[in-house]
Protein backbone atom coordinates (compact mmCIF):
# COMPACT_ATOMS: atom_id res chain seq x y z
CA UNK A 1 143.04 179.31 126.22
CA UNK A 2 143.66 177.46 122.96
CA UNK A 3 145.38 179.09 120.03
CA UNK A 4 143.83 179.19 116.59
CA UNK A 5 146.04 176.32 115.42
CA UNK A 6 145.16 174.25 118.45
CA UNK A 7 141.41 174.84 117.86
CA UNK A 8 141.71 173.70 114.22
CA UNK A 9 143.63 170.62 115.26
CA UNK A 10 141.05 169.83 117.95
CA UNK A 11 138.14 170.19 115.50
CA UNK A 12 139.87 167.84 113.07
CA UNK A 13 140.37 165.16 115.76
CA UNK A 14 137.99 162.26 116.11
CA UNK A 15 137.08 163.29 119.67
CA UNK A 16 135.21 166.32 118.49
CA UNK A 17 131.74 165.63 117.00
CA UNK A 18 130.03 168.87 116.13
CA UNK A 19 126.20 169.09 116.57
CA UNK A 20 124.37 170.50 113.56
CA UNK A 21 121.94 173.30 113.91
CA UNK A 22 119.05 171.02 112.80
CA UNK A 23 119.84 168.58 115.62
CA UNK A 24 119.92 171.42 118.16
CA UNK A 25 116.53 172.73 116.89
CA UNK A 26 115.02 169.28 117.20
CA UNK A 27 116.35 168.77 120.69
CA UNK A 28 115.11 172.20 121.77
CA UNK A 29 111.68 171.56 120.22
CA UNK A 30 111.23 168.24 122.00
CA UNK A 31 112.09 169.78 125.40
CA UNK A 32 110.12 172.95 124.91
CA UNK A 33 106.90 171.50 123.46
CA UNK A 34 105.65 170.40 126.87
CA UNK A 35 106.56 173.77 128.36
CA UNK A 36 104.63 175.68 125.69
CA UNK A 37 101.62 173.39 125.97
CA UNK A 38 101.49 174.19 129.71
CA UNK A 39 101.33 177.84 128.73
CA UNK A 40 98.38 177.19 126.44
CA UNK A 41 100.16 177.01 123.10
CA UNK A 42 100.19 174.02 120.69
CA UNK A 43 104.02 173.80 120.46
CA UNK A 44 107.21 175.90 120.34
CA UNK A 45 107.59 175.84 116.62
CA UNK A 46 107.12 178.76 114.28
CA UNK A 47 104.38 177.88 111.81
CA UNK A 48 103.72 179.83 108.63
CA UNK A 49 101.04 179.60 105.93
CA UNK A 50 102.29 179.08 102.42
CA UNK A 51 99.93 180.40 99.72
CA UNK A 52 99.42 177.79 97.02
CA UNK A 53 99.51 178.84 93.33
CA UNK A 54 96.12 179.29 91.67
CA UNK A 55 95.36 176.90 88.79
CA UNK A 56 94.17 178.27 85.48
CA UNK A 57 91.07 176.44 84.19
CA UNK A 58 91.82 177.42 80.58
CA UNK A 59 95.27 175.91 80.50
CA UNK A 60 96.09 173.06 82.98
CA UNK A 61 99.85 173.81 82.70
CA UNK A 62 99.38 177.51 83.65
CA UNK A 63 99.54 178.60 87.28
CA UNK A 64 99.14 182.02 88.89
CA UNK A 65 102.10 182.37 91.18
CA UNK A 66 102.09 183.94 94.58
CA UNK A 67 101.68 187.78 94.42
CA UNK A 68 101.15 187.41 90.64
CA UNK A 69 98.73 189.54 88.65
CA UNK A 70 95.59 188.14 87.03
CA UNK A 71 92.28 189.39 85.70
CA UNK A 72 88.81 188.57 87.05
CA UNK A 73 85.24 189.70 86.50
CA UNK A 74 84.05 192.08 89.24
CA UNK A 75 80.34 191.43 88.70
CA UNK A 76 80.61 187.66 88.40
CA UNK A 77 78.11 186.07 90.79
CA UNK A 78 78.80 182.87 92.62
CA UNK A 79 76.61 180.03 91.46
CA UNK A 80 74.17 178.99 94.14
CA UNK A 81 73.15 175.40 94.52
CA UNK A 82 69.33 175.76 94.26
CA UNK A 83 68.30 172.11 94.70
CA UNK A 84 66.86 171.38 98.13
CA UNK A 85 66.66 167.91 99.61
CA UNK A 86 62.89 168.28 100.01
CA UNK A 87 62.36 168.58 96.21
CA UNK A 88 64.49 165.54 95.42
CA UNK A 89 62.32 162.75 94.06
CA UNK A 90 61.06 160.06 96.46
CA UNK A 91 60.48 156.39 95.90
CA UNK A 92 58.66 153.71 97.84
CA UNK A 93 61.76 152.67 99.75
CA UNK A 94 62.66 156.23 100.97
CA UNK A 95 59.03 156.88 101.94
CA UNK A 96 58.87 153.64 103.94
CA UNK A 97 62.09 154.32 105.85
CA UNK A 98 61.22 158.01 106.37
CA UNK A 99 57.80 157.25 107.77
CA UNK A 100 59.25 154.66 110.16
CA UNK A 101 61.92 157.07 111.47
CA UNK A 102 59.58 160.07 111.90
CA UNK A 103 57.05 157.89 113.69
CA UNK A 104 59.83 157.05 116.21
CA UNK A 105 60.58 160.75 116.64
CA UNK A 106 56.91 161.59 117.21
CA UNK A 107 56.65 158.86 119.81
CA UNK A 108 59.63 160.43 121.62
CA UNK A 109 58.13 163.99 121.47
CA UNK A 110 60.63 165.18 118.83
CA UNK A 111 58.11 166.14 116.13
CA UNK A 112 60.13 169.22 115.02
CA UNK A 113 63.22 167.06 114.35
CA UNK A 114 61.93 165.12 111.41
CA UNK A 115 64.30 163.19 109.13
CA UNK A 116 64.33 163.18 105.35
CA UNK A 117 65.37 160.01 103.53
CA UNK A 118 66.35 159.97 99.87
CA UNK A 119 67.80 157.35 97.49
CA UNK A 120 70.39 159.47 95.68
CA UNK A 121 71.67 156.68 93.41
CA UNK A 122 69.96 153.64 91.91
CA UNK A 123 71.73 151.96 89.06
CA UNK A 124 72.59 148.56 87.59
CA UNK A 125 76.05 147.14 88.20
CA UNK A 126 77.90 143.80 87.95
CA UNK A 127 80.32 141.84 90.10
CA UNK A 128 82.96 140.11 88.06
CA UNK A 129 84.68 137.02 89.46
CA UNK A 130 88.40 137.53 89.92
CA UNK A 131 90.91 135.74 87.60
CA UNK A 132 92.08 132.78 89.74
CA UNK A 133 88.47 131.96 90.86
CA UNK A 134 87.26 132.33 87.31
CA UNK A 135 89.86 129.97 85.90
CA UNK A 136 89.29 127.35 88.64
CA UNK A 137 85.48 127.43 88.96
CA UNK A 138 83.81 129.54 86.23
CA UNK A 139 85.49 128.05 83.19
CA UNK A 140 84.35 124.58 84.29
CA UNK A 141 80.75 125.73 84.83
CA UNK A 142 80.75 125.39 88.63
CA UNK A 143 80.09 129.09 89.13
CA UNK A 144 78.89 132.07 87.16
CA UNK A 145 81.54 134.56 86.13
CA UNK A 146 79.35 137.64 86.71
CA UNK A 147 76.72 138.56 89.31
CA UNK A 148 74.40 141.46 88.32
CA UNK A 149 73.06 143.65 91.13
CA UNK A 150 71.31 146.90 91.81
CA UNK A 151 73.55 149.50 93.45
CA UNK A 152 71.77 152.05 95.74
CA UNK A 153 72.93 154.96 97.89
CA UNK A 154 70.59 155.84 100.74
CA UNK A 155 71.11 159.03 102.69
CA UNK A 156 69.39 160.66 105.69
CA UNK A 157 69.05 164.45 106.17
CA UNK A 158 67.87 166.81 108.87
CA UNK A 159 67.21 170.54 108.70
CA UNK A 160 69.07 172.20 111.62
CA UNK A 161 69.09 176.02 111.94
CA UNK A 162 67.66 176.35 108.43
CA UNK A 163 70.57 174.27 107.02
CA UNK A 164 70.30 170.84 105.39
CA UNK A 165 72.59 168.46 107.23
CA UNK A 166 73.41 165.03 105.81
CA UNK A 167 74.15 162.84 108.88
CA UNK A 168 73.82 159.23 107.64
CA UNK A 169 74.53 157.30 104.46
CA UNK A 170 74.87 153.72 103.23
CA UNK A 171 75.65 151.98 99.98
CA UNK A 172 73.94 148.65 99.29
CA UNK A 173 74.14 145.96 96.63
CA UNK A 174 70.91 144.17 95.90
CA UNK A 175 71.20 140.83 94.09
CA UNK A 176 67.78 139.85 92.81
CA UNK A 177 66.13 136.52 91.97
CA UNK A 178 67.58 136.64 88.45
CA UNK A 179 71.11 136.66 89.84
CA UNK A 180 72.81 133.21 89.80
CA UNK A 181 73.64 131.49 93.05
CA UNK A 182 75.13 131.93 95.63
CA UNK A 183 74.22 135.63 95.46
CA UNK A 184 70.62 135.12 94.47
CA UNK A 185 68.14 137.20 96.61
CA UNK A 186 70.89 138.54 98.84
CA UNK A 187 71.86 142.07 99.90
CA UNK A 188 75.27 143.32 100.80
CA UNK A 189 75.57 146.60 102.73
CA UNK A 190 78.97 147.68 101.41
CA UNK A 191 79.43 150.93 103.38
CA UNK A 192 77.67 152.54 106.24
CA UNK A 193 78.81 155.93 107.71
CA UNK A 194 77.52 158.74 109.89
CA UNK A 195 78.44 162.04 111.42
CA UNK A 196 77.32 163.10 114.88
CA UNK A 197 75.12 166.07 113.95
CA UNK A 198 71.71 164.51 114.42
CA UNK A 199 69.43 166.16 117.00
CA UNK A 200 68.29 165.25 119.56
CA UNK A 201 71.54 163.52 120.56
CA UNK A 202 69.94 160.98 122.86
CA UNK A 203 67.99 159.47 119.92
CA UNK A 204 70.94 159.27 117.52
CA UNK A 205 71.67 155.56 117.93
CA UNK A 206 68.01 154.66 117.87
CA UNK A 207 67.50 156.57 114.64
CA UNK A 208 70.43 154.83 113.01
CA UNK A 209 68.85 151.44 113.94
CA UNK A 210 65.44 152.52 112.69
CA UNK A 211 66.95 153.39 109.29
CA UNK A 212 68.56 149.98 108.96
CA UNK A 213 65.48 148.09 110.22
CA UNK A 214 63.26 150.14 107.91
CA UNK A 215 65.42 149.20 104.94
CA UNK A 216 65.39 145.51 105.90
CA UNK A 217 61.65 145.57 106.39
CA UNK A 218 61.18 147.04 102.96
CA UNK A 219 63.66 144.66 101.29
CA UNK A 220 61.90 141.75 102.92
CA UNK A 221 58.64 142.82 101.23
CA UNK A 222 60.43 142.70 97.83
CA UNK A 223 61.47 139.06 98.35
CA UNK A 224 65.09 139.40 99.38
CA UNK A 225 66.26 136.62 101.69
CA UNK A 226 69.66 137.53 103.08
CA UNK A 227 71.57 140.61 104.22
CA UNK A 228 75.31 140.61 104.93
CA UNK A 229 77.04 142.86 107.46
CA UNK A 230 80.66 143.15 108.61
CA UNK A 231 80.76 144.42 112.19
CA UNK A 232 84.25 145.87 111.88
CA UNK A 233 85.15 149.27 113.37
CA UNK A 234 86.45 151.97 111.15
CA UNK A 235 89.92 153.55 111.47
CA UNK A 236 90.22 157.18 112.46
CA UNK A 237 92.34 157.83 109.32
CA UNK A 238 89.94 156.03 106.95
CA UNK A 239 86.94 157.84 105.48
CA UNK A 240 84.17 155.74 103.92
CA UNK A 241 81.30 157.92 102.71
CA UNK A 242 81.76 161.30 104.35
CA UNK A 243 85.14 162.81 103.42
CA UNK A 244 85.77 163.91 107.02
CA UNK A 245 84.36 163.50 110.51
CA UNK A 246 84.30 165.74 113.61
CA UNK A 247 87.40 165.21 115.77
CA UNK A 248 85.25 164.83 118.82
CA UNK A 249 83.17 162.05 117.27
CA UNK A 250 83.88 158.76 119.04
CA UNK A 251 84.57 155.63 117.05
CA UNK A 252 83.43 152.39 118.70
CA UNK A 253 85.85 149.53 119.30
CA UNK A 254 85.25 146.00 118.15
CA UNK A 255 83.31 144.89 121.25
CA UNK A 256 81.07 147.92 121.37
CA UNK A 257 80.29 147.78 117.65
CA UNK A 258 79.41 144.09 117.88
CA UNK A 259 77.09 144.77 120.76
CA UNK A 260 75.47 147.62 118.78
CA UNK A 261 74.71 145.28 115.84
CA UNK A 262 73.47 142.55 118.09
CA UNK A 263 71.11 145.04 119.75
CA UNK A 264 69.91 146.09 116.29
CA UNK A 265 69.32 142.52 115.16
CA UNK A 266 67.65 141.48 118.38
CA UNK A 267 65.30 144.41 117.98
CA UNK A 268 64.58 143.19 114.41
CA UNK A 269 63.69 139.75 115.83
CA UNK A 270 61.30 141.30 118.38
CA UNK A 271 59.53 143.18 115.56
CA UNK A 272 59.31 140.04 113.40
CA UNK A 273 61.57 141.50 110.75
CA UNK A 274 64.44 139.10 111.42
CA UNK A 275 64.09 135.43 112.32
CA UNK A 276 67.73 134.70 113.26
CA UNK A 277 71.33 135.84 112.72
CA UNK A 278 74.66 134.10 112.81
CA UNK A 279 78.33 134.95 112.23
CA UNK A 280 79.67 133.56 108.99
CA UNK A 281 81.74 130.64 110.31
CA UNK A 282 78.81 129.23 112.28
CA UNK A 283 76.48 129.70 109.29
CA UNK A 284 78.86 127.72 107.04
CA UNK A 285 78.97 124.88 109.55
CA UNK A 286 75.23 124.78 110.18
CA UNK A 287 74.47 124.88 106.43
CA UNK A 288 76.99 122.10 105.72
CA UNK A 289 78.77 123.96 102.93
CA UNK A 290 81.25 121.81 100.98
CA UNK A 291 82.57 124.27 98.39
CA UNK A 292 83.67 127.91 98.14
CA UNK A 293 81.12 128.32 95.32
CA UNK A 294 78.46 128.37 98.08
CA UNK A 295 79.99 131.43 99.77
CA UNK A 296 78.49 134.81 98.89
CA UNK A 297 80.61 136.70 96.29
CA UNK A 298 80.04 140.46 96.57
CA UNK A 299 81.89 143.44 94.98
CA UNK A 300 84.48 144.83 97.42
CA UNK A 301 83.91 142.19 100.04
CA UNK A 302 86.67 140.43 102.03
CA UNK A 303 85.81 136.91 100.90
CA UNK A 304 86.61 137.36 97.17
CA UNK A 305 89.98 138.94 98.03
CA UNK A 306 90.73 136.11 100.47
CA UNK A 307 89.85 133.38 97.97
CA UNK A 308 91.94 134.96 95.25
CA UNK A 309 95.03 135.23 97.37
CA UNK A 310 94.41 131.70 98.73
CA UNK A 311 94.33 130.13 95.24
CA UNK A 312 97.43 132.13 94.23
CA UNK A 313 99.33 130.78 97.28
CA UNK A 314 98.28 127.20 96.52
CA UNK A 315 99.41 127.60 92.90
CA UNK A 316 102.74 128.96 93.99
CA UNK A 317 103.20 126.02 96.37
CA UNK A 318 102.45 123.52 93.55
CA UNK A 319 104.91 125.23 91.19
CA UNK A 320 107.58 125.13 93.89
CA UNK A 321 107.04 121.38 94.45
CA UNK A 322 107.04 120.78 90.71
CA UNK A 323 110.36 122.56 90.44
CA UNK A 324 111.79 120.47 93.27
CA UNK A 325 110.65 117.24 91.58
CA UNK A 326 112.20 118.29 88.22
CA UNK A 327 115.56 118.67 89.91
CA UNK A 328 115.62 114.94 90.82
CA UNK A 329 117.95 112.79 88.65
CA UNK A 330 116.32 111.16 85.64
CA UNK A 331 117.15 107.53 86.49
CA UNK A 332 115.36 107.85 89.83
CA UNK A 333 112.14 109.02 88.11
CA UNK A 334 112.40 106.17 85.52
CA UNK A 335 111.04 103.68 88.10
CA UNK A 336 107.71 105.53 88.36
CA UNK A 337 107.39 107.31 85.03
CA UNK A 338 107.81 105.01 82.03
CA UNK A 339 107.01 107.39 79.16
CA UNK A 340 106.29 111.05 78.29
CA UNK A 341 102.52 110.44 78.32
CA UNK A 342 102.55 109.32 81.92
CA UNK A 343 104.86 112.21 82.79
CA UNK A 344 102.47 114.72 81.28
CA UNK A 345 99.55 113.18 83.20
CA UNK A 346 101.44 113.48 86.47
CA UNK A 347 102.19 117.19 85.71
CA UNK A 348 98.58 117.97 84.90
CA UNK A 349 97.27 116.25 88.04
CA UNK A 350 99.68 118.24 90.17
CA UNK A 351 98.64 121.54 88.61
CA UNK A 352 94.95 121.03 89.48
CA UNK A 353 94.08 122.30 92.97
CA UNK A 354 91.38 120.21 94.55
CA UNK A 355 88.07 121.97 95.40
CA UNK A 356 88.12 120.40 98.84
CA UNK A 357 91.53 121.80 99.59
CA UNK A 358 90.50 125.34 98.60
CA UNK A 359 87.36 125.11 100.76
CA UNK A 360 89.19 123.73 103.83
CA UNK A 361 91.85 126.46 103.61
CA UNK A 362 89.17 129.12 103.11
CA UNK A 363 87.27 127.86 106.15
CA UNK A 364 90.48 128.15 108.24
CA UNK A 365 90.97 131.74 107.01
CA UNK A 366 87.36 132.66 107.92
CA UNK A 367 87.80 131.07 111.33
CA UNK A 368 91.03 132.93 111.89
CA UNK A 369 89.49 136.17 110.69
CA UNK A 370 86.73 135.80 113.25
CA UNK A 371 88.95 134.80 116.18
CA UNK A 372 91.81 137.18 115.66
CA UNK A 373 90.12 140.34 114.34
CA UNK A 374 86.65 139.66 115.87
CA UNK A 375 84.89 140.64 112.70
CA UNK A 376 81.49 139.04 112.66
CA UNK A 377 79.53 138.32 109.54
CA UNK A 378 75.95 138.34 110.71
CA UNK A 379 73.48 136.18 108.92
CA UNK A 380 69.87 137.00 109.70
CA UNK A 381 66.77 135.19 108.51
CA UNK A 382 63.56 137.11 107.81
CA UNK A 383 60.72 134.68 108.13
CA UNK A 384 61.19 132.52 105.05
CA UNK A 385 63.55 135.26 103.93
CA UNK A 386 67.15 135.68 105.16
CA UNK A 387 69.28 138.74 105.81
CA UNK A 388 73.06 138.99 106.12
CA UNK A 389 74.74 142.47 106.31
CA UNK A 390 78.25 144.01 105.63
CA UNK A 391 78.75 147.53 106.99
CA UNK A 392 81.06 149.92 108.82
CA UNK A 393 79.57 152.37 111.29
CA UNK A 394 80.99 155.42 113.09
CA UNK A 395 78.73 156.35 116.00
């Protein structure tokens, strides 16, 4: 038995390392979590709900604290959203897609599960070329600095148990014939998203494909030639159009999603909507592109971001080499540079990045992007028209 003095001396020695209560709690929780899960509980921790303060709409800096007193109107009625999806205005595109999808449902004996298609947004927008690309290509007239397009939001609804359910949506960018090349008569499907509430479940994938094929078929009749799609799977933590998804909804991996798009495009070929499709790298090689100004330049796409960072890296490399040359002794440079005019010419020539170099490096990035991440940029031809598509789908 140690005396009080001996206990104090032992505690002060370097052999004694006390364990804090927090560390003991953490150790206990790790060991007991599995035990509690076996008993049907989520964990061994004590969880409590904290009531958040209520904001005051009259004064943003004013909050109603927990258990605080405030006044409210007893007879104030909650505003009801009276607009139904059926009364939303239709256009030729929504009618075309809706008729195609409902025909499929009737053929599969699902007449009572009709789908409602509406274009909820249709407005003009513009893609601006990023600074480095603009300085290198637009200022010299090799490329337009803006690309006007029509932005559209297309959504699909179904009435289930007397409730309107939005189960599918996509945002598209339509670059018309008045848009300068290389975007002229091209379509970019920027986002594509879904939730697994469509009924019947066995027709869910088929209905998704019918919506896309119906849109392509209608766009083809308007004279569009290309559609761009990125077949890249979404991340569980990333939300594209719908702010949340059911936890039980499965997200396809890269291989499954690529097969899904190939099935879609092959079906489009069988129906004479699509002539052919290619991934981007093969399309560049087959078309004998020689400049990055021939690559499609869409708002929010991966290619503009890649080109911008690529030019920035090349500029930084040139500046570094220029700094290294300037550190060389003056007499050594005197053999090659006789006067200031020649020296200025040398500096200017080094600052200019060759168009060929940018294109070759961009091609390597696109090839690496394809091989490493397996993201395919499909390029489909619709008769004399072409379609390429950029989308993200959660099945």
